[in-house]
Amino acid sequence: MKIERANINDNEILTEITKKSKAFWGYSEEQILKWNDDLTISKDYIESNNAFKLLNDNKVIGYYSYIIKEKEIARLDNLFVLPEYIGKGFGKYLVNDFLKLMRNLKIKKIILDSEPNATEFYLRIGFEKIGEFETSIKNRFMPIMEMKL
């Protein structure tokens, strides 16, 4: 298992992982289509941001991406694994790699908007819920989370 920087030609596999992972939580195909733009990882996105893919037996099974917001603040923008790998430690493996990188970059605070179904995952890792906002789905709230390093 290894993590390496994604390249622009990974955009289709990263988009596939994102959509399949989101659908894992029971969202309808119609809802996934409504979110298509938000769930698509473009070549431009990869080129402009920091994206890292997780390979297991040379197969891309997950990834994370982040944005440096300010000098000491980073935003974990995406973290997804294929559904068959959810709940098996691969997400935690990605987060640990991300946190190590953030510490090396002297980042002091990480923020993220959590998929509601993944909130417990982030709480177990050490993030705190600091707020929430209603999404395009009525009565569905996206937690805003942060971790201080």
Protein backbone atom coordinates (compact mmCIF):
# COMPACT_ATOMS: atom_id res chain seq x y z
CA MET A 1 0.00 0.00 0.00
CA LYS A 2 1.32 3.45 -0.88
CA ILE A 3 0.22 7.04 -1.24
CA GLU A 4 1.49 9.21 -4.05
CA ARG A 5 0.60 12.53 -5.62
CA ALA A 6 -2.26 12.25 -8.10
CA ASN A 7 -1.63 13.40 -11.64
CA ILE A 8 -4.11 15.04 -14.01
CA ASN A 9 -4.78 11.71 -15.74
CA ASP A 10 -6.20 10.36 -12.45
CA ASN A 11 -9.23 12.64 -12.74
CA GLU A 12 -11.61 9.93 -13.99
CA ILE A 13 -10.71 7.34 -11.33
CA LEU A 14 -10.87 9.97 -8.57
CA THR A 15 -14.30 11.08 -9.82
CA GLU A 16 -15.46 7.45 -9.91
CA ILE A 17 -14.23 6.88 -6.33
CA THR A 18 -15.99 10.07 -5.17
CA LYS A 19 -19.34 9.14 -6.74
CA LYS A 20 -19.27 5.49 -5.63
CA SER A 21 -18.25 6.46 -2.10
CA LYS A 22 -21.02 9.05 -1.87
CA ALA A 23 -23.59 6.55 -3.20
CA PHE A 24 -22.48 4.10 -0.48
CA TRP A 25 -24.40 6.22 2.04
CA GLY A 26 -27.73 5.51 0.34
CA TYR A 27 -28.11 8.58 -1.83
CA SER A 28 -30.21 7.94 -4.91
CA GLU A 29 -28.77 7.86 -8.41
CA GLU A 30 -30.85 10.97 -9.09
CA GLN A 31 -29.22 12.79 -6.17
CA ILE A 32 -25.73 11.76 -7.28
CA LEU A 33 -26.55 13.17 -10.74
CA LYS A 34 -27.69 16.46 -9.15
CA TRP A 35 -24.35 16.65 -7.38
CA ASN A 36 -22.40 15.74 -10.52
CA ASP A 37 -20.46 19.02 -10.74
CA ASP A 38 -19.55 18.91 -7.04
CA LEU A 39 -18.47 15.26 -7.24
CA THR A 40 -16.38 15.60 -10.40
CA ILE A 41 -12.62 15.87 -9.97
CA SER A 42 -11.34 17.69 -13.04
CA LYS A 43 -7.85 17.77 -14.46
CA ASP A 44 -7.76 21.48 -13.58
CA TYR A 45 -8.68 20.69 -9.96
CA ILE A 46 -5.81 18.20 -9.67
CA GLU A 47 -3.40 20.60 -11.34
CA SER A 48 -4.42 23.52 -9.07
CA ASN A 49 -4.70 21.67 -5.76
CA ASN A 50 -2.94 19.04 -3.71
CA ALA A 51 -4.36 15.57 -4.37
CA PHE A 52 -2.89 12.25 -3.22
CA LYS A 53 -4.06 8.80 -4.23
CA LEU A 54 -3.95 5.57 -2.24
CA LEU A 55 -2.80 2.50 -4.15
CA ASN A 56 -3.37 -1.04 -2.96
CA ASP A 57 -1.80 -3.68 -5.23
CA ASN A 58 -1.31 -0.92 -7.84
CA LYS A 59 -5.06 -0.15 -7.85
CA VAL A 60 -6.25 3.33 -6.86
CA ILE A 61 -8.74 2.72 -4.03
CA GLY A 62 -8.97 6.15 -2.42
CA TYR A 63 -7.61 9.66 -2.27
CA TYR A 64 -7.54 12.92 -0.39
CA SER A 65 -7.08 16.50 -1.46
CA TYR A 66 -6.49 19.69 0.43
CA ILE A 67 -6.21 23.44 -0.01
CA ILE A 68 -4.02 25.80 2.00
CA LYS A 69 -6.46 28.52 3.10
CA GLU A 70 -4.10 30.79 5.00
CA LYS A 71 -0.54 30.56 6.27
CA GLU A 72 -1.34 28.04 9.03
CA ILE A 73 -4.81 26.81 8.00
CA ALA A 74 -5.60 23.98 5.59
CA ARG A 75 -8.90 22.64 4.32
CA LEU A 76 -9.30 18.90 3.82
CA ASP A 77 -11.36 19.21 0.65
CA ASN A 78 -11.93 15.54 -0.21
CA LEU A 79 -11.31 12.17 1.37
CA PHE A 80 -12.91 9.16 -0.27
CA VAL A 81 -12.32 5.42 -0.56
CA LEU A 82 -14.12 2.90 -2.72
CA PRO A 83 -17.13 1.37 -0.91
CA GLU A 84 -15.57 -2.08 -0.60
CA TYR A 85 -12.75 -0.51 1.45
CA ILE A 86 -14.92 1.63 3.77
CA GLY A 87 -14.64 0.61 7.41
CA LYS A 88 -11.37 -1.29 6.92
CA GLY A 89 -8.86 1.34 8.04
CA PHE A 90 -8.03 2.82 4.64
CA GLY A 91 -9.70 6.16 5.41
CA LYS A 92 -7.74 6.39 8.65
CA TYR A 93 -4.56 5.54 6.73
CA LEU A 94 -5.27 8.45 4.37
CA VAL A 95 -6.04 10.84 7.23
CA ASN A 96 -2.85 9.89 9.07
CA ASP A 97 -0.81 10.60 5.93
CA PHE A 98 -2.59 13.93 5.54
CA LEU A 99 -2.00 14.89 9.19
CA LYS A 100 1.69 14.01 8.97
CA LEU A 101 2.00 16.19 5.87
CA MET A 102 0.17 19.07 7.58
CA ARG A 103 2.48 18.90 10.59
CA ASN A 104 5.50 18.97 8.26
CA LEU A 105 4.03 22.06 6.58
CA LYS A 106 3.59 23.70 10.03
CA ILE A 107 -0.20 23.89 9.61
CA LYS A 108 -1.87 24.74 12.92
CA LYS A 109 -5.55 24.17 12.05
CA ILE A 110 -7.45 21.93 9.64
CA ILE A 111 -11.06 22.54 8.63
CA LEU A 112 -13.48 20.41 6.65
CA ASP A 113 -17.14 20.00 5.77
CA SER A 114 -18.05 16.42 6.66
CA GLU A 115 -20.42 14.10 4.88
CA PRO A 116 -23.03 13.67 7.66
CA ASN A 117 -22.52 9.89 7.61
CA ALA A 118 -18.76 10.33 8.15
CA THR A 119 -18.99 12.66 11.15
CA GLU A 120 -18.29 9.90 13.69
CA PHE A 121 -15.20 8.90 11.70
CA TYR A 122 -13.78 12.41 11.97
CA LEU A 123 -14.72 12.74 15.66
CA ARG A 124 -12.84 9.50 16.45
CA ILE A 125 -9.75 10.85 14.71
CA GLY A 126 -9.80 14.02 16.81
CA PHE A 127 -11.80 16.58 14.84
CA GLU A 128 -14.40 18.69 16.64
CA LYS A 129 -17.73 19.80 15.23
CA ILE A 130 -17.80 23.60 15.27
CA GLY A 131 -20.96 24.25 13.24
CA GLU A 132 -23.16 23.02 10.43
CA PHE A 133 -25.11 24.23 7.41
CA GLU A 134 -28.17 22.92 5.62
CA THR A 135 -27.46 21.29 2.27
CA SER A 136 -29.52 21.19 -0.91
CA ILE A 137 -31.42 18.26 0.64
CA LYS A 138 -34.03 19.57 3.07
CA ASN A 139 -33.20 18.74 6.72
CA ARG A 140 -29.74 17.38 5.80
CA PHE A 141 -27.00 19.25 7.62
CA MET A 142 -23.33 19.22 6.74
CA PRO A 143 -21.10 19.40 9.84
CA ILE A 144 -18.24 21.90 9.83
CA MET A 145 -15.29 20.37 11.65
CA GLU A 146 -11.85 21.46 12.75
CA MET A 147 -8.72 20.02 14.28
CA LYS A 148 -5.96 22.03 15.90
CA LEU A 149 -2.49 20.59 15.48
